[in-house]
Amino acid sequence: MSKPRNTTGKGYFTVEGSEPLAKRAVSVRLPESLDIELRAYVGKDLSGWLRQAIIEKLEQEKTQLTAQTR
């Protein structure tokens, strides 16, 4: 998977077919050991990997909530 290029000239990246990124960033500090393990596992596209992980977790939580309310 190649990293998207800055094609806008405005200091942010766009990927074809994606919606614009939020103006506010989500930030989290991790324990040092988890940070080291995560960066070693994921490699260079940490932001993209984390976005996908958040999407998958949110979908999982929403599915569980929907199943509980039935």
N, C-alpha and C. Protein backbone atom coordinates (compact mmCIF):
# COMPACT_ATOMS: atom_id res chain seq x y z
N MET A 1 0.86 -1.18 0.00
CA MET A 1 0.00 0.00 0.00
C MET A 1 0.90 1.23 0.00
N SER A 2 0.77 2.06 -1.03
CA SER A 2 1.60 3.24 -1.09
C SER A 2 0.97 4.39 -0.31
N LYS A 3 1.83 5.21 0.22
CA LYS A 3 1.37 6.36 1.00
C LYS A 3 0.85 7.43 0.05
N PRO A 4 -0.31 8.05 0.39
CA PRO A 4 -0.84 9.09 -0.49
C PRO A 4 0.10 10.28 -0.56
N ARG A 5 0.11 10.94 -1.67
CA ARG A 5 0.97 12.12 -1.85
C ARG A 5 0.18 13.38 -1.58
N ASN A 6 0.91 14.39 -1.14
CA ASN A 6 0.30 15.69 -0.91
C ASN A 6 0.08 16.34 -2.28
N THR A 7 -1.14 16.23 -2.77
CA THR A 7 -1.45 16.76 -4.10
C THR A 7 -2.16 18.10 -4.04
N THR A 8 -2.44 18.57 -2.85
CA THR A 8 -3.20 19.81 -2.72
C THR A 8 -2.31 21.03 -2.61
N GLY A 9 -1.07 20.84 -2.15
CA GLY A 9 -0.18 21.97 -1.94
C GLY A 9 -0.56 22.78 -0.71
N LYS A 10 -1.48 22.28 0.10
CA LYS A 10 -1.95 23.02 1.26
C LYS A 10 -1.53 22.37 2.57
N GLY A 11 -0.62 21.40 2.51
CA GLY A 11 -0.10 20.81 3.73
C GLY A 11 -0.93 19.66 4.27
N TYR A 12 -1.88 19.14 3.51
CA TYR A 12 -2.61 17.97 3.97
C TYR A 12 -2.79 17.01 2.81
N PHE A 13 -3.06 15.79 3.15
CA PHE A 13 -3.14 14.74 2.15
C PHE A 13 -4.58 14.43 1.79
N THR A 14 -4.79 14.05 0.57
CA THR A 14 -6.11 13.58 0.14
C THR A 14 -5.94 12.23 -0.51
N VAL A 15 -6.91 11.40 -0.34
CA VAL A 15 -6.92 10.10 -0.97
C VAL A 15 -8.19 10.04 -1.79
N GLU A 16 -8.08 9.59 -3.03
CA GLU A 16 -9.24 9.54 -3.92
C GLU A 16 -10.36 8.74 -3.28
N GLY A 17 -11.56 9.32 -3.26
CA GLY A 17 -12.71 8.63 -2.72
C GLY A 17 -12.91 8.82 -1.23
N SER A 18 -12.01 9.53 -0.58
CA SER A 18 -12.17 9.71 0.86
C SER A 18 -12.83 11.05 1.15
N GLU A 19 -13.47 11.14 2.31
CA GLU A 19 -14.06 12.40 2.70
C GLU A 19 -13.00 13.27 3.36
N PRO A 20 -13.22 14.57 3.46
CA PRO A 20 -12.23 15.46 4.09
C PRO A 20 -12.00 15.07 5.54
N LEU A 21 -10.78 15.32 6.01
CA LEU A 21 -10.45 15.03 7.39
C LEU A 21 -11.02 16.12 8.30
N ALA A 22 -11.33 15.75 9.53
CA ALA A 22 -11.87 16.69 10.51
C ALA A 22 -10.83 17.77 10.82
N LYS A 23 -11.31 18.93 11.20
CA LYS A 23 -10.41 20.03 11.54
C LYS A 23 -9.67 19.75 12.84
N ARG A 24 -10.33 19.04 13.78
CA ARG A 24 -9.70 18.73 15.06
C ARG A 24 -9.11 17.33 15.02
N ALA A 25 -7.91 17.19 15.54
CA ALA A 25 -7.25 15.88 15.59
C ALA A 25 -7.65 15.14 16.86
N VAL A 26 -7.68 13.83 16.76
CA VAL A 26 -7.86 12.97 17.93
C VAL A 26 -6.46 12.55 18.36
N SER A 27 -6.17 12.72 19.62
CA SER A 27 -4.83 12.43 20.10
C SER A 27 -4.91 11.52 21.31
N VAL A 28 -4.00 10.57 21.37
CA VAL A 28 -3.95 9.67 22.51
C VAL A 28 -2.50 9.33 22.81
N ARG A 29 -2.17 9.33 24.08
CA ARG A 29 -0.82 8.93 24.50
C ARG A 29 -0.88 7.47 24.92
N LEU A 30 0.06 6.70 24.44
CA LEU A 30 0.11 5.27 24.71
C LEU A 30 1.24 4.95 25.67
N PRO A 31 1.11 3.85 26.40
CA PRO A 31 2.27 3.38 27.17
C PRO A 31 3.44 3.15 26.21
N GLU A 32 4.64 3.42 26.66
CA GLU A 32 5.81 3.35 25.80
C GLU A 32 5.96 1.98 25.12
N SER A 33 5.72 0.91 25.86
CA SER A 33 5.88 -0.43 25.28
C SER A 33 4.87 -0.68 24.16
N LEU A 34 3.64 -0.21 24.35
CA LEU A 34 2.61 -0.37 23.32
C LEU A 34 2.95 0.47 22.09
N ASP A 35 3.44 1.67 22.30
CA ASP A 35 3.83 2.55 21.19
C ASP A 35 4.93 1.89 20.35
N ILE A 36 5.92 1.34 21.00
CA ILE A 36 7.03 0.68 20.29
C ILE A 36 6.51 -0.52 19.50
N GLU A 37 5.69 -1.34 20.14
CA GLU A 37 5.15 -2.53 19.47
C GLU A 37 4.26 -2.14 18.28
N LEU A 38 3.41 -1.15 18.47
CA LEU A 38 2.50 -0.71 17.41
C LEU A 38 3.26 -0.17 16.21
N ARG A 39 4.22 0.70 16.45
CA ARG A 39 5.01 1.29 15.34
C ARG A 39 5.82 0.22 14.61
N ALA A 40 6.34 -0.76 15.34
CA ALA A 40 7.10 -1.84 14.70
C ALA A 40 6.19 -2.71 13.84
N TYR A 41 4.98 -2.94 14.32
CA TYR A 41 4.03 -3.79 13.60
C TYR A 41 3.46 -3.10 12.37
N VAL A 42 3.06 -1.84 12.53
CA VAL A 42 2.36 -1.13 11.47
C VAL A 42 3.29 -0.59 10.40
N GLY A 43 4.40 -0.06 10.78
CA GLY A 43 5.31 0.53 9.81
C GLY A 43 5.02 2.01 9.60
N LYS A 44 5.15 2.46 8.36
CA LYS A 44 5.09 3.89 8.07
C LYS A 44 3.70 4.50 8.07
N ASP A 45 2.68 3.75 7.72
CA ASP A 45 1.33 4.33 7.61
C ASP A 45 0.54 4.18 8.91
N LEU A 46 1.09 4.68 10.00
CA LEU A 46 0.45 4.56 11.30
C LEU A 46 -0.90 5.27 11.33
N SER A 47 -0.98 6.46 10.78
CA SER A 47 -2.25 7.21 10.79
C SER A 47 -3.35 6.47 10.05
N GLY A 48 -3.04 5.98 8.87
CA GLY A 48 -4.03 5.23 8.10
C GLY A 48 -4.46 3.96 8.80
N TRP A 49 -3.50 3.27 9.40
CA TRP A 49 -3.80 2.04 10.12
C TRP A 49 -4.71 2.33 11.31
N LEU A 50 -4.39 3.38 12.05
CA LEU A 50 -5.20 3.75 13.21
C LEU A 50 -6.61 4.18 12.79
N ARG A 51 -6.72 4.93 11.69
CA ARG A 51 -8.06 5.31 11.19
C ARG A 51 -8.88 4.07 10.90
N GLN A 52 -8.28 3.10 10.21
CA GLN A 52 -8.99 1.87 9.86
C GLN A 52 -9.37 1.09 11.12
N ALA A 53 -8.47 1.02 12.09
CA ALA A 53 -8.76 0.31 13.34
C ALA A 53 -9.93 0.97 14.07
N ILE A 54 -9.97 2.29 14.08
CA ILE A 54 -11.07 3.01 14.73
C ILE A 54 -12.38 2.76 14.01
N ILE A 55 -12.35 2.79 12.69
CA ILE A 55 -13.56 2.50 11.89
C ILE A 55 -14.09 1.11 12.22
N GLU A 56 -13.20 0.12 12.22
CA GLU A 56 -13.62 -1.26 12.49
C GLU A 56 -14.19 -1.41 13.90
N LYS A 57 -13.56 -0.79 14.89
CA LYS A 57 -14.04 -0.88 16.26
C LYS A 57 -15.39 -0.19 16.41
N LEU A 58 -15.57 0.96 15.80
CA LEU A 58 -16.85 1.67 15.87
C LEU A 58 -17.96 0.85 15.23
N GLU A 59 -17.70 0.25 14.08
CA GLU A 59 -18.70 -0.59 13.43
C GLU A 59 -19.06 -1.79 14.31
N GLN A 60 -18.05 -2.39 14.94
CA GLN A 60 -18.27 -3.52 15.83
C GLN A 60 -19.16 -3.12 17.01
N GLU A 61 -18.85 -1.98 17.62
CA GLU A 61 -19.63 -1.50 18.77
C GLU A 61 -21.07 -1.19 18.36
N LYS A 62 -21.24 -0.56 17.21
CA LYS A 62 -22.59 -0.23 16.74
C LYS A 62 -23.39 -1.50 16.45
N THR A 63 -22.74 -2.50 15.88
CA THR A 63 -23.42 -3.77 15.61
C THR A 63 -23.85 -4.45 16.91
N GLN A 64 -22.98 -4.43 17.91
CA GLN A 64 -23.31 -5.02 19.20
C GLN A 64 -24.46 -4.28 19.86
N LEU A 65 -24.44 -2.96 19.77
CA LEU A 65 -25.51 -2.16 20.39
C LEU A 65 -26.84 -2.43 19.70
N THR A 66 -26.83 -2.53 18.39
CA THR A 66 -28.05 -2.81 17.64
C THR A 66 -28.59 -4.19 18.01
N ALA A 67 -27.71 -5.17 18.17
CA ALA A 67 -28.15 -6.53 18.53
C ALA A 67 -28.74 -6.56 19.95
N GLN A 68 -28.22 -5.74 20.83
CA GLN A 68 -28.71 -5.71 22.21
C GLN A 68 -30.09 -5.05 22.32
N THR A 69 -30.40 -4.12 21.42
CA THR A 69 -31.66 -3.39 21.50
C THR A 69 -32.81 -4.12 20.78
N ARG A 70 -32.51 -5.24 20.19
CA ARG A 70 -33.56 -5.99 19.47
C ARG A 70 -34.31 -6.89 20.40
